[in-house]
N, C-alpha and C. Protein backbone atom coordinates (compact mmCIF):
# COMPACT_ATOMS: atom_id res chain seq x y z
N UNK A 1 147.47 219.07 62.33
CA UNK A 1 147.18 217.73 61.85
C UNK A 1 145.82 217.29 62.37
N UNK A 2 145.10 216.48 61.63
CA UNK A 2 143.80 216.02 62.11
C UNK A 2 143.92 215.04 63.26
N UNK A 3 145.12 214.58 63.56
CA UNK A 3 145.31 213.56 64.60
C UNK A 3 146.23 214.07 65.70
N UNK A 4 146.08 215.29 66.13
CA UNK A 4 146.91 215.80 67.21
C UNK A 4 146.78 214.93 68.44
N UNK A 5 147.90 214.67 69.07
CA UNK A 5 147.90 213.83 70.26
C UNK A 5 147.55 214.68 71.47
N UNK A 6 146.58 214.26 72.28
CA UNK A 6 146.17 215.05 73.44
C UNK A 6 147.27 215.10 74.50
N UNK A 7 147.33 216.22 75.23
CA UNK A 7 148.29 216.35 76.32
C UNK A 7 147.74 215.74 77.60
N UNK A 8 146.45 215.53 77.67
CA UNK A 8 145.83 214.89 78.83
C UNK A 8 144.62 214.10 78.35
N UNK A 9 144.41 212.94 78.95
CA UNK A 9 143.24 212.13 78.64
C UNK A 9 142.69 211.55 79.92
N UNK A 10 141.49 211.06 79.86
CA UNK A 10 140.88 210.43 81.03
C UNK A 10 139.42 210.17 80.79
N UNK A 11 138.76 209.75 81.85
CA UNK A 11 137.33 209.47 81.81
C UNK A 11 136.61 210.46 82.71
N UNK A 12 135.40 210.82 82.32
CA UNK A 12 134.64 211.78 83.08
C UNK A 12 133.16 211.43 82.97
N UNK A 13 132.42 211.71 84.02
CA UNK A 13 130.97 211.52 84.01
C UNK A 13 130.30 212.86 84.23
N UNK A 14 129.20 213.07 83.55
CA UNK A 14 128.42 214.30 83.73
C UNK A 14 127.70 214.27 85.07
N UNK A 15 127.45 215.47 85.63
CA UNK A 15 126.69 215.55 86.87
C UNK A 15 125.19 215.39 86.58
N UNK A 16 124.36 215.53 87.60
CA UNK A 16 122.92 215.31 87.45
C UNK A 16 122.26 216.31 86.49
N UNK A 17 122.94 217.44 86.20
CA UNK A 17 122.42 218.42 85.24
C UNK A 17 122.93 218.15 83.83
N UNK A 18 123.75 217.11 83.67
CA UNK A 18 124.32 216.82 82.37
C UNK A 18 125.56 217.64 82.08
N UNK A 19 126.15 218.27 83.09
CA UNK A 19 127.31 219.13 82.92
C UNK A 19 128.60 218.37 83.23
N UNK A 20 129.63 218.72 82.49
CA UNK A 20 130.99 218.28 82.80
C UNK A 20 131.79 219.55 83.03
N UNK A 21 132.42 219.65 84.19
CA UNK A 21 133.17 220.86 84.53
C UNK A 21 134.64 220.51 84.65
N UNK A 22 135.48 221.20 83.88
CA UNK A 22 136.92 221.03 83.93
C UNK A 22 137.53 222.23 84.66
N UNK A 23 138.46 221.98 85.56
CA UNK A 23 139.22 223.03 86.23
C UNK A 23 140.68 222.88 85.83
N UNK A 24 141.30 223.99 85.48
CA UNK A 24 142.70 223.99 85.09
C UNK A 24 143.50 224.72 86.16
N UNK A 25 144.67 224.20 86.51
CA UNK A 25 145.50 224.75 87.57
C UNK A 25 146.91 224.95 87.05
N UNK A 26 147.52 226.08 87.40
CA UNK A 26 148.89 226.36 86.95
C UNK A 26 149.92 225.56 87.73
N UNK A 27 149.59 225.00 88.86
CA UNK A 27 150.52 224.16 89.63
C UNK A 27 151.92 224.76 89.75
N UNK A 28 152.02 225.88 90.42
CA UNK A 28 153.35 226.44 90.69
C UNK A 28 153.78 227.56 89.77
N UNK A 29 152.93 228.06 88.95
CA UNK A 29 153.30 229.20 88.11
C UNK A 29 153.25 228.89 86.64
N UNK A 30 153.72 229.85 85.87
CA UNK A 30 153.69 229.70 84.43
C UNK A 30 152.30 229.91 83.87
N UNK A 31 152.16 229.61 82.61
CA UNK A 31 150.88 229.76 81.94
C UNK A 31 150.14 228.42 81.89
N UNK A 32 148.84 228.51 81.88
CA UNK A 32 147.98 227.37 81.57
C UNK A 32 147.35 227.67 80.22
N UNK A 33 147.30 226.69 79.36
CA UNK A 33 146.77 226.91 78.01
C UNK A 33 145.83 225.78 77.63
N UNK A 34 144.84 226.12 76.80
CA UNK A 34 143.95 225.12 76.23
C UNK A 34 143.68 225.51 74.77
N UNK A 35 143.84 224.56 73.86
CA UNK A 35 143.61 224.86 72.44
C UNK A 35 142.43 224.07 71.87
N UNK A 36 142.06 222.98 72.52
CA UNK A 36 140.93 222.20 72.06
C UNK A 36 140.48 221.25 73.16
N UNK A 37 139.22 220.90 73.12
CA UNK A 37 138.68 219.89 74.02
C UNK A 37 137.87 218.93 73.16
N UNK A 38 138.17 217.66 73.28
CA UNK A 38 137.44 216.63 72.55
C UNK A 38 136.84 215.65 73.53
N UNK A 39 135.59 215.32 73.34
CA UNK A 39 134.89 214.39 74.23
C UNK A 39 134.21 213.33 73.37
N UNK A 40 134.43 212.10 73.73
CA UNK A 40 133.79 211.01 73.01
C UNK A 40 132.76 210.37 73.92
N UNK A 41 131.88 209.60 73.36
CA UNK A 41 130.77 209.01 74.10
C UNK A 41 131.06 207.54 74.43
N UNK A 42 132.01 207.31 75.34
CA UNK A 42 132.25 205.98 75.84
C UNK A 42 133.15 205.09 75.02
N UNK A 43 133.80 205.65 74.02
CA UNK A 43 134.72 204.83 73.25
C UNK A 43 135.79 205.71 72.65
N UNK A 44 136.92 205.12 72.37
CA UNK A 44 138.00 205.84 71.70
C UNK A 44 138.09 205.33 70.28
N UNK A 45 138.09 206.21 69.32
CA UNK A 45 138.20 205.83 67.91
C UNK A 45 139.59 206.16 67.42
N UNK A 46 140.23 205.23 66.78
CA UNK A 46 141.55 205.49 66.22
C UNK A 46 141.44 206.57 65.16
N UNK A 47 142.36 207.48 65.19
CA UNK A 47 142.36 208.58 64.22
C UNK A 47 143.01 208.13 62.92
N UNK A 48 142.41 208.51 61.82
CA UNK A 48 143.02 208.26 60.52
C UNK A 48 143.10 209.58 59.77
N UNK A 49 144.00 209.68 58.85
CA UNK A 49 144.17 210.94 58.13
C UNK A 49 142.96 211.26 57.27
N UNK A 50 142.17 210.27 56.91
CA UNK A 50 141.00 210.54 56.07
C UNK A 50 139.78 210.94 56.91
N UNK A 51 139.68 210.46 58.13
CA UNK A 51 138.53 210.79 58.96
C UNK A 51 138.72 212.10 59.69
N UNK A 52 139.95 212.51 59.93
CA UNK A 52 140.18 213.73 60.68
C UNK A 52 139.98 213.50 62.16
N UNK A 53 139.44 214.47 62.82
CA UNK A 53 139.30 214.39 64.27
C UNK A 53 138.42 213.23 64.68
N UNK A 54 138.69 212.66 65.82
CA UNK A 54 138.07 211.40 66.20
C UNK A 54 137.19 211.48 67.45
N UNK A 55 136.82 212.65 67.88
CA UNK A 55 135.94 212.79 69.04
C UNK A 55 134.52 213.11 68.59
N UNK A 56 133.56 212.66 69.35
CA UNK A 56 132.16 212.95 69.02
C UNK A 56 131.88 214.45 69.16
N UNK A 57 132.38 215.05 70.24
CA UNK A 57 132.25 216.50 70.43
C UNK A 57 133.63 217.11 70.28
N UNK A 58 133.77 218.07 69.39
CA UNK A 58 135.05 218.74 69.14
C UNK A 58 134.90 220.22 69.35
N UNK A 59 135.75 220.75 70.21
CA UNK A 59 135.76 222.19 70.47
C UNK A 59 137.16 222.70 70.16
N UNK A 60 137.33 223.28 68.98
CA UNK A 60 138.60 223.89 68.59
C UNK A 60 138.58 225.34 69.07
N UNK A 61 139.59 225.76 69.82
CA UNK A 61 139.57 227.05 70.49
C UNK A 61 140.58 228.04 69.93
N UNK A 62 141.19 227.74 68.82
CA UNK A 62 142.25 228.59 68.28
C UNK A 62 141.79 229.57 67.22
N UNK A 63 140.62 230.16 67.39
CA UNK A 63 140.08 231.03 66.35
C UNK A 63 139.96 232.49 66.76
N UNK A 64 140.67 232.92 67.79
CA UNK A 64 140.49 234.29 68.28
C UNK A 64 141.73 235.16 68.13
N UNK A 65 142.78 234.66 67.51
CA UNK A 65 143.96 235.48 67.27
C UNK A 65 144.70 235.84 68.55
N UNK A 66 145.28 237.05 68.58
CA UNK A 66 146.02 237.55 69.74
C UNK A 66 145.18 238.63 70.42
N UNK A 67 144.53 238.27 71.50
CA UNK A 67 143.64 239.20 72.19
C UNK A 67 143.83 239.13 73.70
N UNK A 68 143.47 240.21 74.37
CA UNK A 68 143.40 240.26 75.84
C UNK A 68 141.96 240.57 76.21
N UNK A 69 141.53 240.07 77.36
CA UNK A 69 140.17 240.34 77.83
C UNK A 69 140.11 240.08 79.32
N UNK A 70 139.03 240.50 79.94
CA UNK A 70 138.81 240.25 81.36
C UNK A 70 138.60 238.76 81.59
N UNK A 71 139.18 238.23 82.65
CA UNK A 71 139.01 236.81 82.92
C UNK A 71 137.59 236.47 83.36
N UNK A 72 136.74 237.47 83.53
CA UNK A 72 135.33 237.20 83.82
C UNK A 72 134.50 237.04 82.54
N UNK A 73 135.12 237.26 81.38
CA UNK A 73 134.44 237.10 80.10
C UNK A 73 134.15 235.62 79.85
N UNK A 74 132.95 235.34 79.35
CA UNK A 74 132.57 233.97 78.99
C UNK A 74 132.57 233.82 77.48
N UNK A 75 133.24 232.78 77.00
CA UNK A 75 133.26 232.44 75.58
C UNK A 75 132.50 231.14 75.40
N UNK A 76 131.62 231.09 74.42
CA UNK A 76 130.77 229.92 74.21
C UNK A 76 131.06 229.29 72.85
N UNK A 77 131.22 227.97 72.86
CA UNK A 77 131.43 227.18 71.65
C UNK A 77 130.40 226.06 71.64
N UNK A 78 130.02 225.62 70.45
CA UNK A 78 129.08 224.50 70.34
C UNK A 78 129.65 223.42 69.43
N UNK A 79 129.28 222.20 69.73
CA UNK A 79 129.63 221.04 68.90
C UNK A 79 128.47 220.07 69.01
N UNK A 80 127.80 219.84 67.88
CA UNK A 80 126.59 219.03 67.87
C UNK A 80 125.60 219.65 68.86
N UNK A 81 125.06 218.87 69.79
CA UNK A 81 124.10 219.44 70.75
C UNK A 81 124.76 219.90 72.04
N UNK A 82 126.09 219.86 72.14
CA UNK A 82 126.81 220.22 73.37
C UNK A 82 127.29 221.67 73.30
N UNK A 83 127.37 222.31 74.47
CA UNK A 83 127.86 223.67 74.60
C UNK A 83 129.04 223.68 75.55
N UNK A 84 130.09 224.39 75.18
CA UNK A 84 131.26 224.59 76.02
C UNK A 84 131.33 226.06 76.38
N UNK A 85 131.47 226.35 77.68
CA UNK A 85 131.64 227.74 78.13
C UNK A 85 132.99 227.85 78.81
N UNK A 86 133.79 228.81 78.34
CA UNK A 86 135.11 229.07 78.92
C UNK A 86 135.04 230.35 79.74
N UNK A 87 135.46 230.27 81.00
CA UNK A 87 135.50 231.43 81.89
C UNK A 87 136.82 231.37 82.64
N UNK A 88 137.44 232.52 82.87
CA UNK A 88 138.65 232.58 83.68
C UNK A 88 139.93 232.69 82.89
N UNK A 89 139.84 232.79 81.58
CA UNK A 89 141.03 232.89 80.75
C UNK A 89 141.32 234.36 80.47
N UNK A 90 142.59 234.74 80.38
CA UNK A 90 142.95 236.15 80.29
C UNK A 90 143.34 236.62 78.89
N UNK A 91 143.76 235.70 78.01
CA UNK A 91 144.17 236.11 76.67
C UNK A 91 144.23 234.91 75.74
N UNK A 92 144.33 235.21 74.44
CA UNK A 92 144.54 234.17 73.42
C UNK A 92 145.80 234.52 72.65
N UNK A 93 146.43 233.48 72.13
CA UNK A 93 147.63 233.67 71.31
C UNK A 93 147.63 232.67 70.16
N UNK A 94 148.03 233.15 68.98
CA UNK A 94 148.09 232.26 67.83
C UNK A 94 149.19 231.21 68.00
N UNK A 95 150.31 231.56 68.65
CA UNK A 95 151.38 230.57 68.84
C UNK A 95 150.93 229.41 69.73
N UNK A 96 149.97 229.66 70.59
CA UNK A 96 149.44 228.61 71.46
C UNK A 96 148.20 227.96 70.85
N UNK A 97 147.64 228.61 69.85
CA UNK A 97 146.44 228.11 69.16
C UNK A 97 145.26 227.99 70.13
N UNK A 98 145.14 228.98 71.05
CA UNK A 98 144.01 228.92 71.97
C UNK A 98 144.11 229.92 73.11
N UNK A 99 143.47 229.57 74.21
CA UNK A 99 143.33 230.42 75.39
C UNK A 99 144.46 230.18 76.38
N UNK A 100 144.84 231.25 77.08
CA UNK A 100 145.87 231.17 78.11
C UNK A 100 145.44 231.93 79.35
N UNK A 101 146.02 231.53 80.46
CA UNK A 101 145.91 232.27 81.71
C UNK A 101 147.27 232.21 82.37
N UNK A 102 147.81 233.36 82.69
CA UNK A 102 149.17 233.39 83.23
C UNK A 102 149.25 233.93 84.63
N UNK A 103 150.45 233.94 85.18
CA UNK A 103 150.68 234.51 86.51
C UNK A 103 150.17 235.95 86.55
N UNK A 104 149.52 236.31 87.62
CA UNK A 104 149.00 237.66 87.76
C UNK A 104 147.57 237.83 87.27
N UNK A 105 147.05 236.87 86.54
CA UNK A 105 145.64 236.95 86.14
C UNK A 105 144.81 236.47 87.31
N UNK A 106 143.53 236.74 87.29
CA UNK A 106 142.70 236.35 88.43
C UNK A 106 142.03 235.00 88.20
N UNK A 107 142.63 234.16 87.36
CA UNK A 107 142.10 232.80 87.14
C UNK A 107 142.45 231.92 88.31
């Protein structure tokens, strides 16, 4: 759906280099997964079915199918003038629609 509800939200400020760094933690085991990251510029826009996604920067991560790779591999995505780099993920799955890191990986 163009209006998927986020599993986590919050506010973040870029560092002096203009970078925003997200760290994901398994908190006791299991898998950690990410399928998309959306960042807006200081405001939240209500999603409508005609407008589709409502973030200024949209990074959809569900385009790699079912793959395994070294967690040292870097994947790069772009949205407008922003770049997203993913490091530390061990595999992708279509059922999760994105990247995963599970127990036993070096993430």
